[in-house]
Structure formats: structure tokens, C-alpha cells
Protein backbone atom coordinates (compact mmCIF):
# COMPACT_ATOMS: atom_id res chain seq x y z
CA UNK A 1 17.38 1.42 -14.21
CA UNK A 2 14.70 2.09 -16.78
CA UNK A 3 13.02 5.42 -17.41
CA UNK A 4 9.29 6.06 -17.59
CA UNK A 5 8.29 7.06 -21.12
CA UNK A 6 5.77 9.81 -21.86
CA UNK A 7 3.93 9.51 -25.15
CA UNK A 8 1.24 11.99 -26.21
CA UNK A 9 -1.78 10.94 -28.23
CA UNK A 10 -5.50 11.55 -27.78
CA UNK A 11 -7.38 12.34 -24.59
CA UNK A 12 -9.63 9.66 -23.13
CA UNK A 13 -12.13 11.43 -20.84
CA UNK A 14 -13.78 10.17 -17.65
CA UNK A 15 -17.43 9.31 -18.07
CA UNK A 16 -20.16 7.89 -15.86
CA UNK A 17 -19.82 6.59 -12.31
CA UNK A 18 -17.74 3.63 -11.20
CA UNK A 19 -18.81 0.84 -8.86
CA UNK A 20 -16.46 0.45 -5.88
CA UNK A 21 -15.17 -3.03 -5.11
CA UNK A 22 -12.93 -3.52 -2.06
CA UNK A 23 -10.69 -6.37 -0.92
CA UNK A 24 -11.84 -7.64 2.47
CA UNK A 25 -9.49 -10.58 3.05
CA UNK A 26 -5.99 -11.48 1.96
CA UNK A 27 -6.15 -13.45 -1.27
CA UNK A 28 -5.72 -13.57 -5.01
CA UNK A 29 -7.01 -10.88 -7.35
CA UNK A 30 -8.77 -13.59 -9.37
CA UNK A 31 -10.55 -15.08 -6.34
CA UNK A 32 -14.14 -13.87 -5.84
CA UNK A 33 -13.91 -14.34 -2.07
CA UNK A 34 -11.20 -11.68 -1.87
CA UNK A 35 -13.73 -8.96 -2.69
CA UNK A 36 -16.73 -7.49 -0.86
CA UNK A 37 -19.01 -7.88 -3.89
CA UNK A 38 -18.19 -11.60 -4.19
CA UNK A 39 -16.95 -11.21 -7.74
CA UNK A 40 -13.69 -10.28 -9.41
CA UNK A 41 -13.08 -6.65 -10.39
CA UNK A 42 -14.44 -5.39 -13.70
CA UNK A 43 -12.80 -2.85 -15.97
CA UNK A 44 -15.14 0.03 -15.00
CA UNK A 45 -14.84 -0.58 -11.23
CA UNK A 46 -12.98 1.53 -8.73
CA UNK A 47 -10.87 -1.30 -7.31
CA UNK A 48 -9.76 -0.66 -3.71
CA UNK A 49 -6.99 -2.89 -2.38
CA UNK A 50 -7.20 -2.69 1.42
CA UNK A 51 -5.53 -6.01 2.32
CA UNK A 52 -2.73 -8.14 0.89
CA UNK A 53 -3.80 -9.02 -2.65
CA UNK A 54 -1.74 -11.29 -4.86
CA UNK A 55 -1.83 -9.75 -8.35
CA UNK A 56 -2.18 -13.03 -10.21
CA UNK A 57 -3.51 -11.73 -13.55
CA UNK A 58 -3.18 -8.76 -15.89
CA UNK A 59 -5.87 -6.10 -15.40
CA UNK A 60 -7.04 -3.02 -17.30
CA UNK A 61 -9.25 -0.22 -16.01
CA UNK A 62 -11.30 1.94 -18.33
CA UNK A 63 -12.91 5.25 -17.45
CA UNK A 64 -14.50 5.80 -14.99
CA UNK A 65 -12.79 2.85 -13.29
CA UNK A 66 -9.40 2.99 -11.57
CA UNK A 67 -7.15 1.23 -9.06
CA UNK A 68 -6.55 2.40 -5.50
CA UNK A 69 -4.16 0.76 -3.03
CA UNK A 70 -4.76 2.09 0.48
CA UNK A 71 -2.14 2.66 3.16
CA UNK A 72 -3.00 -0.74 4.66
CA UNK A 73 -3.12 -2.48 1.28
CA UNK A 74 -0.43 -4.41 -0.58
CA UNK A 75 -0.62 -5.39 -4.24
CA UNK A 76 2.08 -7.85 -5.20
CA UNK A 77 2.55 -9.91 -8.35
CA UNK A 78 4.41 -9.90 -11.64
CA UNK A 79 1.50 -8.92 -13.86
CA UNK A 80 0.57 -5.80 -15.80
CA UNK A 81 -1.83 -2.95 -14.99
CA UNK A 82 -3.34 -0.51 -17.49
CA UNK A 83 -5.54 2.46 -16.62
CA UNK A 84 -5.39 5.06 -13.85
CA UNK A 85 -4.40 4.64 -10.19
CA UNK A 86 -3.92 6.17 -6.74
CA UNK A 87 -1.29 4.33 -4.69
CA UNK A 88 -0.73 4.78 -0.96
CA UNK A 89 0.36 1.28 0.07
CA UNK A 90 3.02 -1.20 -1.04
CA UNK A 91 2.91 -2.16 -4.73
CA UNK A 92 5.06 -4.55 -6.76
CA UNK A 93 3.99 -5.27 -10.35
CA UNK A 94 5.61 -6.05 -13.70
CA UNK A 95 4.46 -3.02 -15.73
CA UNK A 96 2.04 -0.13 -15.62
CA UNK A 97 0.50 1.76 -18.54
CA UNK A 98 -1.44 4.91 -17.64
CA UNK A 99 -3.87 5.93 -20.38
CA UNK A 100 -6.25 8.49 -18.83
CA UNK A 101 -6.78 10.81 -15.88
CA UNK A 102 -4.34 11.90 -13.19
CA UNK A 103 -2.58 9.07 -11.39
CA UNK A 104 -0.87 9.64 -8.04
CA UNK A 105 1.55 7.61 -5.98
CA UNK A 106 2.68 8.41 -2.45
CA UNK A 107 3.49 4.74 -1.87
CA UNK A 108 6.40 4.07 0.49
CA UNK A 109 7.38 1.20 -1.83
CA UNK A 110 6.27 1.17 -5.47
CA UNK A 111 8.51 -1.20 -7.42
CA UNK A 112 8.00 -1.95 -11.11
CA UNK A 113 10.08 -4.75 -12.56
CA UNK A 114 9.97 -3.95 -16.29
CA UNK A 115 8.62 -0.50 -17.23
CA UNK A 116 6.04 2.22 -16.74
CA UNK A 117 4.43 4.18 -19.60
CA UNK A 118 2.17 7.26 -19.64
CA UNK A 119 0.26 7.89 -22.88
CA UNK A 120 -2.53 10.11 -24.23
CA UNK A 121 -2.86 13.88 -24.01
CA UNK A 122 -4.04 14.97 -20.57
CA UNK A 123 -2.80 11.86 -18.80
CA UNK A 124 -0.56 12.66 -15.84
CA UNK A 125 1.48 10.72 -13.31
CA UNK A 126 2.53 12.40 -10.05
CA UNK A 127 4.85 10.52 -7.71
CA UNK A 128 5.66 11.86 -4.24
CA UNK A 129 6.61 8.52 -2.72
CA UNK A 130 9.23 5.87 -3.42
CA UNK A 131 9.24 4.65 -7.04
CA UNK A 132 11.77 2.29 -8.57
CA UNK A 133 11.50 1.02 -12.15
CA UNK A 134 13.64 -2.01 -12.90
CA UNK A 135 13.63 -3.14 -9.28
CA UNK A 136 12.49 -6.24 -7.47
CA UNK A 137 10.56 -6.12 -4.19
CA UNK A 138 10.75 -7.71 -0.77
CA UNK A 139 6.98 -7.99 -0.40
CA UNK A 140 6.59 -11.37 1.23
CA UNK A 141 4.62 -14.53 0.48
CA UNK A 142 3.61 -13.20 -2.90
CA UNK A 143 1.96 -16.01 -4.82
CA UNK A 144 0.80 -15.71 -8.41
CA UNK A 145 -0.76 -19.15 -8.39
CA UNK A 146 -2.62 -19.66 -5.15
CA UNK A 147 -3.74 -17.96 -1.97
CA UNK A 148 -1.23 -18.05 0.87
CA UNK A 149 -2.74 -17.48 4.27
CA UNK A 150 0.69 -16.59 5.67
CA UNK A 151 0.65 -13.47 3.52
CA UNK A 152 -2.29 -12.17 5.55
CA UNK A 153 -0.15 -11.81 8.65
CA UNK A 154 2.58 -9.94 6.80
CA UNK A 155 0.70 -6.90 5.54
CA UNK A 156 -2.47 -4.87 5.79
CA UNK A 157 -1.88 -4.41 9.51
CA UNK A 158 -4.93 -3.15 11.37
CA UNK A 159 -5.27 -1.74 14.86
CA UNK A 160 -5.88 -4.41 17.51
CA UNK A 161 -7.62 -1.91 19.75
CA UNK A 162 -8.07 1.83 19.58
CA UNK A 163 -5.33 3.61 21.51
CA UNK A 164 -6.80 4.76 24.86
CA UNK A 165 -6.76 8.43 25.78
CA UNK A 166 -4.28 7.57 28.53
CA UNK A 167 -1.70 6.88 25.81
CA UNK A 168 -0.18 9.27 23.30
CA UNK A 169 2.30 8.86 20.45
CA UNK A 170 3.97 11.98 19.08
CA UNK A 171 5.02 13.62 16.84
CA UNK A 172 3.21 12.04 13.92
CA UNK A 173 4.55 12.41 11.24
CA UNK A 174 7.99 12.04 12.84
CA UNK A 175 11.40 13.06 11.57
CA UNK A 176 13.96 11.76 14.08
CA UNK A 177 12.22 10.46 17.21
CA UNK A 178 8.83 9.18 18.33
CA UNK A 179 7.75 9.51 21.97
CA UNK A 180 5.23 7.28 23.72
CA UNK A 181 3.40 8.28 26.88
CA UNK A 182 1.46 5.73 28.91
CA UNK A 183 1.53 3.46 31.95
CA UNK A 184 2.05 -0.28 32.41
CA UNK A 185 3.83 -0.66 29.05
CA UNK A 186 5.74 -3.95 28.93
CA UNK A 187 6.85 -4.02 25.29
CA UNK A 188 7.03 -1.77 22.22
CA UNK A 189 7.54 -2.93 18.64
CA UNK A 190 7.93 -0.94 15.44
CA UNK A 191 6.70 -2.80 12.35
CA UNK A 192 6.82 -1.82 8.67
CA UNK A 193 3.95 -2.17 6.18
CA UNK A 194 5.12 -5.67 5.24
CA UNK A 195 4.79 -6.86 8.82
CA UNK A 196 8.55 -7.00 9.39
CA UNK A 197 9.72 -6.02 12.86
CA UNK A 198 12.03 -3.02 12.67
CA UNK A 199 12.57 -2.39 16.37
CA UNK A 200 11.83 -4.10 19.69
CA UNK A 201 12.24 -2.17 22.93
CA UNK A 202 10.85 -1.23 26.32
CA UNK A 203 11.97 2.38 25.99
CA UNK A 204 9.35 5.07 25.37
CA UNK A 205 11.59 6.98 22.99
CA UNK A 206 12.08 5.47 19.52
CA UNK A 207 14.81 6.60 17.15
CA UNK A 208 13.52 6.74 13.56
CA UNK A 209 16.08 9.03 11.89
CA UNK A 210 17.71 6.10 10.08
CA UNK A 211 14.43 4.72 8.71
CA UNK A 212 13.21 5.45 5.19
CA UNK A 213 10.17 7.65 4.67
CA UNK A 214 6.94 5.73 4.85
CA UNK A 215 4.25 4.17 6.99
CA UNK A 216 5.02 2.14 10.11
CA UNK A 217 3.03 0.68 12.98
CA UNK A 218 3.83 0.92 16.68
CA UNK A 219 2.60 -2.07 18.69
CA UNK A 220 2.25 -1.27 22.39
CA UNK A 221 1.82 -4.16 24.78
CA UNK A 222 0.61 -3.45 28.30
CA UNK A 223 -0.19 -5.72 31.22
CA UNK A 224 -3.74 -6.01 29.86
CA UNK A 225 -3.88 -5.43 26.10
CA UNK A 226 -1.97 -4.80 22.89
CA UNK A 227 -2.59 -1.63 20.89
CA UNK A 228 -1.42 -0.69 17.41
CA UNK A 229 -1.03 2.85 16.10
CA UNK A 230 0.02 3.93 12.62
CA UNK A 231 2.87 6.42 12.42
CA UNK A 232 4.45 8.13 9.45
CA UNK A 233 8.19 8.72 9.15
CA UNK A 234 8.88 11.76 7.01
CA UNK A 235 12.33 13.29 6.81
CA UNK A 236 12.37 16.93 5.75
């Protein structure tokens, strides 16, 4: 296990306003079709990863740009990131080097293979999620060479339909159990952020006390439709 180093130097301030660029399909970082602006991210962009994105190249942000991985996003690839970030989804990279601003991670799975470094006076890194330096990751279908369509079905899960008012899922966040109220339910699945099935049942009471903290999705199948609802497991 490697430790994150903290080195103090000079402060690099935020200036100007960043352009936001967002991933809209599952694909490679270096592929223009992955992004809503039909171009690859630039150093001063706020880069929002909202799907499965294969991190197939090194990337550096400079102020006012930064990286954000949303709860439905996955960034996976053995390359290096430099700059400032906010991480809420699954991330697996080779190294990170934070050089300005305040970076936050509440990611349920933030794995860094080699090292993480924080430099420059005023630069901060706050982690309230799961962080492992020196670890590999089980993020699936992660290609650093080409786009894999199969990766799109494994992460960045979105709701099939909005949950009707006749259904309720509670409590959310949950500590030990999740209860589901509704009629004509034929099947219930619990899926993690990588698209892996954690539980398959017909019972309306789901035991989650043995699961790690993080984001999950409950898929409810009825006689007419399938609905997906995000739930958070958070053990006190």
C-alpha cells in the first residue's frame, strides 16, 4: 500500500470560467463522439464523466478547468490525471497529481494503481469515500485502445422509467434493510455501479447490512414495466 504525499509549494489560483463538456455515450476519452461538444476535452474545460469512459490517454486540467465523475459515471484506464477533481462515481486510474483548488472524492470505488500526489500551497484533497492507492480495480470491459460497446451495459445505469407514486423504496440511504412497497411486482434485482447483479429476489425486503457503502440500483419488474431506482447504502 502506498501513501499519498503532500508537498507544499506555490499557490495556483482559479481564474476565468470553464467550458463544460459532458460524456453522452460510453466510449474512449480520446473519441470526439463520446462528448456532447463533439470534441475531446481541453485543459481548461470542466470535464463531466456521466457514462462509462475509457481513460485511454493522460490528461491535465489547468485552472479554471477540472474533472468531475458523476454518480452514474465510470472513468477507467491506466493513465495519469493532473489538476483538480470531484469524484462521485467509480474511478480507476494509474496516478493522480492535484496541483490547485480543493478536490473531493466520495466515490464508492476510487482505485489508484501507482500513486497520488497533492502539491502547491492551498491545494487540498478531501476523501469521504473509498480510496485505495496501490490497488487494482474490477471495473469491467475497460479498454485503453478501442471502444467496447459491452462496457456501456456495465455502468452508468440510468432509470428505465420513473418510479410511479404507487411504489416506494425506503429508507434511502439505508443501513441494514431496504423495503419496497408496490403491487404486481414479479422480480427485484439489486445491481452495483458496475452493472453487476448483487441480489435477485421476489421479496420486498432486501438485506443490505453486508454490502459495502456506496451507490446501488434496485430494478423492479412488474407485470407491465421495469423501473430502476438509485439507493445508497451507508453504514453508520
